[in-house]
Structures are given as C-alpha cells and as structure tokens.
Amino acid sequence: MNAKCEAEWLKARVANYWRFHKQAIAVAIEANYSECDVLVLTKSNLLVECEIKRTLQDLKRDSVKRKHYRMANNGTDKGYGYSKHKFYFAVPESIKDKALAVVEETYPYAGLLVVTQDCNYWRPGEHIYEVRKPKLFNNPEPNERKVRSIMKAMSSNICNMAIRLCKERPLL
C-alpha cells in the first residue's frame, strides 16, 4: 500500500471508530484541509481532534505546528476557542511504544490511539485502542461558527477519499 493510501486508510479507520464505536454525532475527514485529519463532535459537545501519523518522523515533525504551541499553553490564545476540546494522535500499532514515548515527552496534553491491522468493519471498536488519555481543555467561549465551518469543509472530502481508496483497492 502506498503512503497516501495508508494515510487515508488510517483516517477512515479512526473516523469509523469515533462515529460507530464512540457514537459521535459528527465526524469529518480532511483530505486537502490544514486543520486536522479527523475532527469529531460528540453528543456532549466535546470537540475531538485526531492527527494521523504513519511514521515516528512524521509524529516528531508535527511539533512545529502552531496548534501545539496553543495547546501547550492551555489552548487559550485568540482564535482557538472551542469550549470543550481534546487532542489525539493516532498511529499504527507497529510504532506504538516509540510513539508513546514521543507523545509523553513532546505533547504532554495529547492522547494516543493505536490502530491495529485487524479489519472488521462491523466491529469498529476492536481495531483501535487508547494507550494515553488526553488533557481536557475547557475554554470559556465556544467558537461554534468556526467549528461548523471546519466540519463543513472537511466533510465534503469524504466521498473523494472513498473514491481514491476504491481505485487503490478495488473490491472486485
């Protein structure tokens, strides 16, 4: 599987986990958007951001993004006004232990999800497990307009991603 296909496969698995196992009310997937890879809105209005990282190097490189500076400083700077917010990295099981060490050292506010190679689409909770819980950010003023705008832009990419995945791995 090529790198782009593997990244999209991981995004699809993480989105499936949040939507069907965790019963989130909205899940959006990035394809050509810079905010995050998978964005989730839960029934309790918790916004969950998931960054998919295929390699350890990719995980380490993510630290230069502005959002990590904001979260390291309690997520309170101007423009990041989600009321309740959590941040996760999701990685393949093959890099779990090393990724956990990087997250604990570099991203102390982040949770870590591990995606296994098992592929049972009818049991979405069985292919992902949490190895580190994230910090809960509680900002006083939610920026609902920003969240809706991001979700709308990201959700439009799901069909395009599915078409690309079907071209890479046709069922017939």
N, C-alpha and C. Protein backbone atom coordinates (compact mmCIF):
# COMPACT_ATOMS: atom_id res chain seq x y z
N MET A 1 0.86 -1.18 0.00
CA MET A 1 0.00 0.00 0.00
C MET A 1 0.90 1.24 0.00
N ASN A 2 0.61 2.21 -0.89
CA ASN A 2 1.45 3.40 -0.92
C ASN A 2 1.13 4.31 0.28
N ALA A 3 1.99 5.30 0.51
CA ALA A 3 1.88 6.15 1.71
C ALA A 3 0.56 6.91 1.76
N LYS A 4 0.12 7.47 0.64
CA LYS A 4 -1.13 8.23 0.62
C LYS A 4 -2.32 7.33 0.94
N CYS A 5 -2.32 6.15 0.35
CA CYS A 5 -3.41 5.19 0.60
C CYS A 5 -3.39 4.74 2.06
N GLU A 6 -2.21 4.50 2.61
CA GLU A 6 -2.11 4.09 4.01
C GLU A 6 -2.63 5.18 4.95
N ALA A 7 -2.30 6.43 4.66
CA ALA A 7 -2.78 7.54 5.49
C ALA A 7 -4.31 7.64 5.42
N GLU A 8 -4.86 7.48 4.23
CA GLU A 8 -6.32 7.55 4.10
C GLU A 8 -6.99 6.36 4.76
N TRP A 9 -6.36 5.19 4.69
CA TRP A 9 -6.89 4.01 5.36
C TRP A 9 -6.94 4.25 6.87
N LEU A 10 -5.88 4.85 7.43
CA LEU A 10 -5.86 5.16 8.86
C LEU A 10 -6.93 6.19 9.22
N LYS A 11 -7.09 7.23 8.40
CA LYS A 11 -8.14 8.23 8.64
C LYS A 11 -9.51 7.58 8.65
N ALA A 12 -9.76 6.72 7.68
CA ALA A 12 -11.07 6.05 7.60
C ALA A 12 -11.31 5.18 8.82
N ARG A 13 -10.30 4.47 9.30
CA ARG A 13 -10.45 3.62 10.47
C ARG A 13 -10.73 4.45 11.72
N VAL A 14 -10.02 5.57 11.88
CA VAL A 14 -10.23 6.43 13.05
C VAL A 14 -11.62 7.07 12.99
N ALA A 15 -12.04 7.52 11.82
CA ALA A 15 -13.38 8.11 11.68
C ALA A 15 -14.45 7.07 12.01
N ASN A 16 -14.26 5.85 11.52
CA ASN A 16 -15.19 4.75 11.80
C ASN A 16 -15.29 4.49 13.30
N TYR A 17 -14.15 4.49 13.96
CA TYR A 17 -14.10 4.27 15.41
C TYR A 17 -14.93 5.31 16.17
N TRP A 18 -14.71 6.60 15.84
CA TRP A 18 -15.42 7.67 16.55
C TRP A 18 -16.91 7.67 16.23
N ARG A 19 -17.26 7.45 14.96
CA ARG A 19 -18.66 7.53 14.57
C ARG A 19 -19.47 6.35 15.08
N PHE A 20 -18.96 5.14 14.93
CA PHE A 20 -19.77 3.97 15.25
C PHE A 20 -19.48 3.37 16.62
N HIS A 21 -18.24 3.32 17.05
CA HIS A 21 -17.95 2.75 18.36
C HIS A 21 -18.23 3.77 19.47
N LYS A 22 -17.79 5.01 19.26
CA LYS A 22 -17.98 6.04 20.27
C LYS A 22 -19.29 6.82 20.08
N GLN A 23 -20.00 6.56 18.99
CA GLN A 23 -21.30 7.16 18.71
C GLN A 23 -21.28 8.69 18.65
N ALA A 24 -20.25 9.25 18.04
CA ALA A 24 -20.17 10.70 17.85
C ALA A 24 -21.27 11.16 16.91
N ILE A 25 -21.72 12.39 17.07
CA ILE A 25 -22.80 12.87 16.21
C ILE A 25 -22.28 13.39 14.86
N ALA A 26 -21.02 13.78 14.79
CA ALA A 26 -20.45 14.24 13.52
C ALA A 26 -18.97 13.89 13.47
N VAL A 27 -18.55 13.41 12.32
CA VAL A 27 -17.15 13.09 12.08
C VAL A 27 -16.78 13.62 10.71
N ALA A 28 -15.68 14.36 10.64
CA ALA A 28 -15.22 14.90 9.36
C ALA A 28 -13.79 14.45 9.13
N ILE A 29 -13.48 14.21 7.86
CA ILE A 29 -12.14 13.76 7.48
C ILE A 29 -11.51 14.78 6.56
N GLU A 30 -10.26 15.08 6.83
CA GLU A 30 -9.50 16.00 5.99
C GLU A 30 -8.95 15.24 4.80
N ALA A 31 -8.96 15.89 3.68
CA ALA A 31 -8.24 15.37 2.53
C ALA A 31 -7.30 16.45 2.01
N ASN A 32 -7.79 17.67 1.93
CA ASN A 32 -6.97 18.79 1.45
C ASN A 32 -7.20 20.01 2.33
N TYR A 33 -7.24 19.82 3.62
CA TYR A 33 -7.55 20.90 4.54
C TYR A 33 -6.50 20.89 5.64
N SER A 34 -6.11 22.02 6.15
CA SER A 34 -4.95 22.07 7.04
C SER A 34 -5.27 21.95 8.53
N GLU A 35 -6.51 21.91 8.92
CA GLU A 35 -6.85 21.96 10.35
C GLU A 35 -6.45 20.69 11.10
N CYS A 36 -6.95 19.54 10.69
CA CYS A 36 -6.58 18.27 11.31
C CYS A 36 -7.03 17.14 10.41
N ASP A 37 -6.66 15.90 10.75
CA ASP A 37 -7.01 14.76 9.90
C ASP A 37 -8.43 14.26 10.12
N VAL A 38 -8.82 14.11 11.38
CA VAL A 38 -10.17 13.68 11.72
C VAL A 38 -10.68 14.61 12.82
N LEU A 39 -11.84 15.18 12.60
CA LEU A 39 -12.45 16.08 13.57
C LEU A 39 -13.79 15.48 13.99
N VAL A 40 -14.02 15.43 15.30
CA VAL A 40 -15.17 14.73 15.86
C VAL A 40 -15.94 15.67 16.78
N LEU A 41 -17.26 15.61 16.69
CA LEU A 41 -18.12 16.32 17.63
C LEU A 41 -18.97 15.28 18.33
N THR A 42 -18.84 15.18 19.66
CA THR A 42 -19.56 14.17 20.42
C THR A 42 -20.94 14.68 20.86
N LYS A 43 -21.72 13.78 21.41
CA LYS A 43 -23.06 14.14 21.91
C LYS A 43 -22.99 15.19 23.01
N SER A 44 -21.89 15.22 23.75
CA SER A 44 -21.75 16.18 24.86
C SER A 44 -21.03 17.47 24.42
N ASN A 45 -21.02 17.74 23.10
CA ASN A 45 -20.38 18.93 22.53
C ASN A 45 -18.89 18.99 22.78
N LEU A 46 -18.26 17.86 22.92
CA LEU A 46 -16.81 17.79 23.03
C LEU A 46 -16.25 17.73 21.62
N LEU A 47 -15.28 18.58 21.34
CA LEU A 47 -14.61 18.57 20.05
C LEU A 47 -13.33 17.75 20.20
N VAL A 48 -13.17 16.73 19.37
CA VAL A 48 -12.00 15.86 19.42
C VAL A 48 -11.25 16.01 18.10
N GLU A 49 -9.99 16.33 18.22
CA GLU A 49 -9.13 16.49 17.06
C GLU A 49 -8.17 15.30 17.03
N CYS A 50 -8.06 14.63 15.89
CA CYS A 50 -7.15 13.50 15.75
C CYS A 50 -6.20 13.74 14.59
N GLU A 51 -4.93 13.65 14.88
CA GLU A 51 -3.89 13.73 13.85
C GLU A 51 -3.39 12.32 13.59
N ILE A 52 -3.39 11.92 12.34
CA ILE A 52 -2.92 10.60 11.95
C ILE A 52 -1.43 10.70 11.63
N LYS A 53 -0.64 9.84 12.21
CA LYS A 53 0.80 9.83 11.96
C LYS A 53 1.22 8.41 11.59
N ARG A 54 1.70 8.24 10.37
CA ARG A 54 2.11 6.92 9.88
C ARG A 54 3.48 6.52 10.38
N THR A 55 4.36 7.51 10.60
CA THR A 55 5.74 7.22 10.99
C THR A 55 6.14 8.03 12.21
N LEU A 56 7.19 7.59 12.86
CA LEU A 56 7.72 8.30 14.02
C LEU A 56 8.25 9.68 13.61
N GLN A 57 8.88 9.77 12.46
CA GLN A 57 9.41 11.03 11.97
C GLN A 57 8.28 12.04 11.75
N ASP A 58 7.18 11.57 11.18
CA ASP A 58 6.02 12.43 10.95
C ASP A 58 5.46 12.94 12.28
N LEU A 59 5.42 12.08 13.29
CA LEU A 59 4.95 12.46 14.62
C LEU A 59 5.84 13.55 15.22
N LYS A 60 7.13 13.38 15.11
CA LYS A 60 8.06 14.37 15.66
C LYS A 60 7.97 15.71 14.93
N ARG A 61 7.82 15.66 13.60
CA ARG A 61 7.74 16.89 12.80
C ARG A 61 6.51 17.73 13.12
N ASP A 62 5.47 17.12 13.64
CA ASP A 62 4.22 17.84 13.90
C ASP A 62 4.38 18.93 14.96
N SER A 63 5.43 18.87 15.75
CA SER A 63 5.60 19.82 16.86
C SER A 63 5.77 21.26 16.41
N VAL A 64 6.10 21.50 15.16
CA VAL A 64 6.28 22.89 14.69
C VAL A 64 4.95 23.59 14.39
N LYS A 65 3.84 22.86 14.38
CA LYS A 65 2.55 23.47 14.09
C LYS A 65 2.11 24.39 15.23
N ARG A 66 1.50 25.50 14.85
CA ARG A 66 1.05 26.50 15.82
C ARG A 66 0.06 25.93 16.85
N LYS A 67 -0.77 25.00 16.42
CA LYS A 67 -1.76 24.45 17.35
C LYS A 67 -1.09 23.77 18.55
N HIS A 68 0.09 23.22 18.38
CA HIS A 68 0.77 22.59 19.51
C HIS A 68 1.28 23.62 20.50
N TYR A 69 1.71 24.75 20.01
CA TYR A 69 2.08 25.86 20.90
C TYR A 69 0.87 26.30 21.71
N ARG A 70 -0.28 26.42 21.05
CA ARG A 70 -1.51 26.84 21.75
C ARG A 70 -1.91 25.83 22.81
N MET A 71 -1.89 24.55 22.45
CA MET A 71 -2.30 23.53 23.42
C MET A 71 -1.31 23.41 24.56
N ALA A 72 -0.03 23.56 24.28
CA ALA A 72 0.97 23.53 25.35
C ALA A 72 0.76 24.68 26.32
N ASN A 73 0.12 25.76 25.84
CA ASN A 73 -0.19 26.91 26.68
C ASN A 73 -1.68 26.96 27.00
N ASN A 74 -2.26 25.80 27.24
CA ASN A 74 -3.65 25.61 27.67
C ASN A 74 -4.70 25.94 26.63
N GLY A 75 -4.31 26.06 25.36
CA GLY A 75 -5.29 26.26 24.29
C GLY A 75 -6.09 27.53 24.42
N THR A 76 -5.54 28.54 25.09
CA THR A 76 -6.34 29.71 25.39
C THR A 76 -6.06 30.92 24.51
N ASP A 77 -5.14 30.81 23.54
CA ASP A 77 -4.87 32.01 22.77
C ASP A 77 -6.00 32.32 21.80
N LYS A 78 -6.04 33.53 21.32
CA LYS A 78 -7.10 34.03 20.44
C LYS A 78 -7.23 33.12 19.20
N GLY A 79 -8.45 32.78 18.84
CA GLY A 79 -8.68 32.01 17.64
C GLY A 79 -8.80 30.51 17.85
N TYR A 80 -8.65 30.04 19.06
CA TYR A 80 -8.73 28.60 19.32
C TYR A 80 -9.83 28.34 20.34
N GLY A 81 -10.97 28.96 20.14
CA GLY A 81 -12.00 28.97 21.17
C GLY A 81 -13.00 27.85 21.14
N TYR A 82 -12.58 26.60 21.19
CA TYR A 82 -13.52 25.51 21.35
C TYR A 82 -13.84 25.40 22.83
N SER A 83 -15.11 25.17 23.16
CA SER A 83 -15.47 25.14 24.58
C SER A 83 -14.86 23.93 25.29
N LYS A 84 -15.13 22.72 24.82
CA LYS A 84 -14.51 21.52 25.38
C LYS A 84 -13.76 20.84 24.25
N HIS A 85 -12.51 20.53 24.46
CA HIS A 85 -11.66 20.09 23.36
C HIS A 85 -10.63 19.09 23.86
N LYS A 86 -10.41 18.03 23.07
CA LYS A 86 -9.34 17.05 23.34
C LYS A 86 -8.57 16.84 22.04
N PHE A 87 -7.31 16.46 22.20
CA PHE A 87 -6.45 16.23 21.05
C PHE A 87 -5.79 14.86 21.16
N TYR A 88 -5.86 14.09 20.07
CA TYR A 88 -5.24 12.77 20.00
C TYR A 88 -4.31 12.67 18.78
N PHE A 89 -3.31 11.85 18.91
CA PHE A 89 -2.58 11.32 17.77
C PHE A 89 -3.07 9.90 17.59
N ALA A 90 -3.14 9.42 16.35
CA ALA A 90 -3.46 8.03 16.06
C ALA A 90 -2.32 7.47 15.22
N VAL A 91 -1.79 6.34 15.63
CA VAL A 91 -0.63 5.75 14.96
C VAL A 91 -0.87 4.27 14.70
N PRO A 92 -0.15 3.68 13.73
CA PRO A 92 -0.23 2.23 13.53
C PRO A 92 0.40 1.50 14.72
N GLU A 93 -0.06 0.31 14.95
CA GLU A 93 0.42 -0.48 16.09
C GLU A 93 1.92 -0.74 16.02
N SER A 94 2.48 -0.76 14.83
CA SER A 94 3.90 -1.06 14.65
C SER A 94 4.83 -0.03 15.30
N ILE A 95 4.33 1.20 15.55
CA ILE A 95 5.19 2.22 16.18
C ILE A 95 4.66 2.65 17.55
N LYS A 96 3.78 1.87 18.11
CA LYS A 96 3.09 2.23 19.36
C LYS A 96 4.04 2.66 20.48
N ASP A 97 4.99 1.84 20.87
CA ASP A 97 5.84 2.12 22.02
C ASP A 97 6.70 3.37 21.83
N LYS A 98 7.32 3.47 20.67
CA LYS A 98 8.14 4.66 20.40
C LYS A 98 7.28 5.91 20.29
N ALA A 99 6.11 5.79 19.71
CA ALA A 99 5.20 6.94 19.59
C ALA A 99 4.73 7.40 20.97
N LEU A 100 4.46 6.47 21.86
CA LEU A 100 4.05 6.82 23.22
C LEU A 100 5.14 7.63 23.92
N ALA A 101 6.38 7.24 23.75
CA ALA A 101 7.50 7.97 24.36
C ALA A 101 7.58 9.40 23.80
N VAL A 102 7.40 9.55 22.49
CA VAL A 102 7.45 10.88 21.87
C VAL A 102 6.29 11.74 22.35
N VAL A 103 5.10 11.17 22.42
CA VAL A 103 3.93 11.93 22.86
C VAL A 103 4.11 12.38 24.31
N GLU A 104 4.56 11.49 25.17
CA GLU A 104 4.74 11.85 26.58
C GLU A 104 5.77 12.96 26.75
N GLU A 105 6.81 12.95 25.93
CA GLU A 105 7.87 13.95 26.06
C GLU A 105 7.54 15.26 25.35
N THR A 106 6.98 15.18 24.16
CA THR A 106 6.81 16.37 23.32
C THR A 106 5.40 16.96 23.39
N TYR A 107 4.40 16.12 23.57
CA TYR A 107 3.00 16.56 23.55
C TYR A 107 2.28 16.11 24.82
N PRO A 108 2.58 16.68 25.99
CA PRO A 108 2.02 16.17 27.25
C PRO A 108 0.49 16.30 27.37
N TYR A 109 -0.13 17.09 26.54
CA TYR A 109 -1.58 17.30 26.55
C TYR A 109 -2.31 16.31 25.64
N ALA A 110 -1.57 15.57 24.82
CA ALA A 110 -2.18 14.74 23.77
C ALA A 110 -2.46 13.32 24.25
N GLY A 111 -3.55 12.76 23.71
CA GLY A 111 -3.83 11.35 23.89
C GLY A 111 -3.24 10.57 22.73
N LEU A 112 -3.21 9.25 22.88
CA LEU A 112 -2.67 8.41 21.80
C LEU A 112 -3.60 7.24 21.54
N LEU A 113 -4.02 7.12 20.29
CA LEU A 113 -4.81 5.99 19.83
C LEU A 113 -3.93 5.11 18.95
N VAL A 114 -4.13 3.80 19.06
CA VAL A 114 -3.35 2.85 18.27
C VAL A 114 -4.31 2.10 17.35
N VAL A 115 -3.95 2.05 16.06
CA VAL A 115 -4.77 1.38 15.06
C VAL A 115 -4.12 0.05 14.72
N THR A 116 -4.86 -1.04 14.91
CA THR A 116 -4.33 -2.37 14.62
C THR A 116 -4.53 -2.71 13.14
N GLN A 117 -3.95 -3.80 12.70
CA GLN A 117 -4.10 -4.25 11.31
C GLN A 117 -5.41 -5.01 11.11
N ASP A 118 -6.07 -5.42 12.20
CA ASP A 118 -7.33 -6.14 12.08
C ASP A 118 -8.33 -5.28 11.34
N CYS A 119 -9.13 -5.90 10.51
CA CYS A 119 -10.03 -5.13 9.66
C CYS A 119 -11.44 -5.70 9.70
N ASN A 120 -12.14 -5.51 10.81
CA ASN A 120 -13.53 -5.93 10.92
C ASN A 120 -14.39 -4.67 10.97
N TYR A 121 -14.96 -4.30 9.82
CA TYR A 121 -15.72 -3.06 9.73
C TYR A 121 -17.01 -3.10 10.54
N TRP A 122 -17.47 -4.29 10.89
CA TRP A 122 -18.71 -4.40 11.64
C TRP A 122 -18.49 -4.28 13.14
N ARG A 123 -17.26 -4.27 13.58
CA ARG A 123 -16.92 -4.09 14.99
C ARG A 123 -15.84 -3.01 15.11
N PRO A 124 -16.26 -1.73 14.95
CA PRO A 124 -15.28 -0.65 14.86
C PRO A 124 -14.44 -0.43 16.11
N GLY A 125 -14.90 -0.83 17.26
CA GLY A 125 -14.13 -0.62 18.48
C GLY A 125 -13.00 -1.59 18.67
N GLU A 126 -12.96 -2.65 17.86
CA GLU A 126 -11.96 -3.68 18.05
C GLU A 126 -10.63 -3.40 17.37
N HIS A 127 -10.57 -2.42 16.49
CA HIS A 127 -9.33 -2.18 15.76
C HIS A 127 -8.57 -0.94 16.22
N ILE A 128 -9.08 -0.27 17.24
CA ILE A 128 -8.41 0.91 17.79
C ILE A 128 -8.49 0.84 19.31
N TYR A 129 -7.39 1.20 19.95
CA TYR A 129 -7.43 1.28 21.41
C TYR A 129 -6.62 2.48 21.88
N GLU A 130 -6.99 2.99 23.04
CA GLU A 130 -6.36 4.17 23.61
C GLU A 130 -5.25 3.74 24.55
N VAL A 131 -4.05 4.29 24.35
CA VAL A 131 -2.94 3.97 25.25
C VAL A 131 -2.57 5.17 26.12
N ARG A 132 -3.10 6.34 25.78
CA ARG A 132 -2.83 7.53 26.60
C ARG A 132 -4.03 8.46 26.52
N LYS A 133 -4.51 8.89 27.66
CA LYS A 133 -5.64 9.82 27.71
C LYS A 133 -5.15 11.25 27.51
N PRO A 134 -5.95 12.07 26.81
CA PRO A 134 -5.54 13.46 26.59
C PRO A 134 -6.03 14.38 27.69
N LYS A 135 -5.48 15.56 27.71
CA LYS A 135 -5.93 16.62 28.61
C LYS A 135 -7.26 17.16 28.06
N LEU A 136 -8.15 17.55 28.94
CA LEU A 136 -9.39 18.21 28.53
C LEU A 136 -9.19 19.71 28.64
N PHE A 137 -9.36 20.40 27.52
CA PHE A 137 -9.30 21.86 27.52
C PHE A 137 -10.70 22.39 27.72
N ASN A 138 -10.87 23.32 28.64
CA ASN A 138 -12.15 23.98 28.89
C ASN A 138 -11.97 25.46 28.68
N ASN A 139 -12.33 25.94 27.53
CA ASN A 139 -12.27 27.36 27.25
C ASN A 139 -13.63 27.98 27.51
N PRO A 140 -13.66 29.22 27.98
CA PRO A 140 -14.93 29.81 28.39
C PRO A 140 -15.91 30.09 27.25
N GLU A 141 -15.43 30.44 26.07
CA GLU A 141 -16.31 30.82 24.97
C GLU A 141 -16.13 29.90 23.78
N PRO A 142 -17.14 29.11 23.42
CA PRO A 142 -17.01 28.28 22.23
C PRO A 142 -17.11 29.12 20.96
N ASN A 143 -16.38 28.76 19.97
CA ASN A 143 -16.46 29.41 18.68
C ASN A 143 -17.19 28.46 17.74
N GLU A 144 -18.52 28.37 17.89
CA GLU A 144 -19.31 27.41 17.15
C GLU A 144 -19.27 27.66 15.65
N ARG A 145 -19.20 28.91 15.24
CA ARG A 145 -19.15 29.22 13.81
C ARG A 145 -17.89 28.62 13.19
N LYS A 146 -16.76 28.75 13.87
CA LYS A 146 -15.51 28.20 13.36
C LYS A 146 -15.59 26.68 13.26
N VAL A 147 -16.14 26.04 14.29
CA VAL A 147 -16.25 24.58 14.29
C VAL A 147 -17.14 24.13 13.14
N ARG A 148 -18.29 24.77 12.94
CA ARG A 148 -19.19 24.40 11.85
C ARG A 148 -18.51 24.58 10.49
N SER A 149 -17.78 25.66 10.34
CA SER A 149 -17.09 25.92 9.08
C SER A 149 -16.05 24.85 8.78
N ILE A 150 -15.28 24.48 9.79
CA ILE A 150 -14.25 23.45 9.62
C ILE A 150 -14.90 22.11 9.29
N MET A 151 -15.95 21.73 10.03
CA MET A 151 -16.62 20.45 9.81
C MET A 151 -17.20 20.40 8.40
N LYS A 152 -17.79 21.50 7.95
CA LYS A 152 -18.39 21.53 6.61
C LYS A 152 -17.32 21.32 5.54
N ALA A 153 -16.22 22.04 5.66
CA ALA A 153 -15.15 21.92 4.66
C ALA A 153 -14.56 20.51 4.65
N MET A 154 -14.36 19.94 5.83
CA MET A 154 -13.74 18.62 5.91
C MET A 154 -14.69 17.52 5.46
N SER A 155 -15.97 17.63 5.79
CA SER A 155 -16.90 16.56 5.46
C SER A 155 -17.11 16.43 3.96
N SER A 156 -16.86 17.48 3.21
CA SER A 156 -17.02 17.39 1.76
C SER A 156 -15.96 16.51 1.11
N ASN A 157 -14.93 16.17 1.84
CA ASN A 157 -13.84 15.36 1.28
C ASN A 157 -14.04 13.85 1.44
N ILE A 158 -15.03 13.44 2.18
CA ILE A 158 -15.20 12.01 2.45
C ILE A 158 -15.45 11.21 1.18
N CYS A 159 -16.33 11.70 0.32
CA CYS A 159 -16.62 10.96 -0.92
C CYS A 159 -15.40 10.86 -1.82
N ASN A 160 -14.66 11.95 -1.94
CA ASN A 160 -13.45 11.92 -2.77
C ASN A 160 -12.44 10.92 -2.23
N MET A 161 -12.29 10.86 -0.91
CA MET A 161 -11.36 9.92 -0.31
C MET A 161 -11.81 8.48 -0.58
N ALA A 162 -13.10 8.22 -0.45
CA ALA A 162 -13.63 6.88 -0.68
C ALA A 162 -13.37 6.44 -2.12
N ILE A 163 -13.55 7.34 -3.07
CA ILE A 163 -13.30 7.02 -4.48
C ILE A 163 -11.83 6.67 -4.69
N ARG A 164 -10.92 7.46 -4.10
CA ARG A 164 -9.49 7.17 -4.24
C ARG A 164 -9.14 5.82 -3.63
N LEU A 165 -9.72 5.51 -2.46
CA LEU A 165 -9.44 4.22 -1.83
C LEU A 165 -9.95 3.06 -2.69
N CYS A 166 -11.11 3.23 -3.30
CA CYS A 166 -11.65 2.17 -4.17
C CYS A 166 -10.76 1.96 -5.39
N LYS A 167 -10.16 3.02 -5.91
CA LYS A 167 -9.26 2.86 -7.05
C LYS A 167 -8.00 2.11 -6.64
N GLU A 168 -7.52 2.36 -5.41
CA GLU A 168 -6.30 1.69 -4.92
C GLU A 168 -6.56 0.23 -4.59
N ARG A 169 -7.72 -0.06 -4.00
CA ARG A 169 -8.03 -1.42 -3.55
C ARG A 169 -9.42 -1.81 -4.00
N PRO A 170 -9.62 -2.07 -5.29
CA PRO A 170 -10.97 -2.43 -5.78
C PRO A 170 -11.45 -3.73 -5.13
N LEU A 171 -12.75 -3.80 -4.92
CA LEU A 171 -13.34 -4.98 -4.29
C LEU A 171 -13.44 -6.16 -5.25
N LEU A 172 -13.56 -5.91 -6.52
CA LEU A 172 -13.72 -7.00 -7.49
C LEU A 172 -12.42 -7.35 -8.15
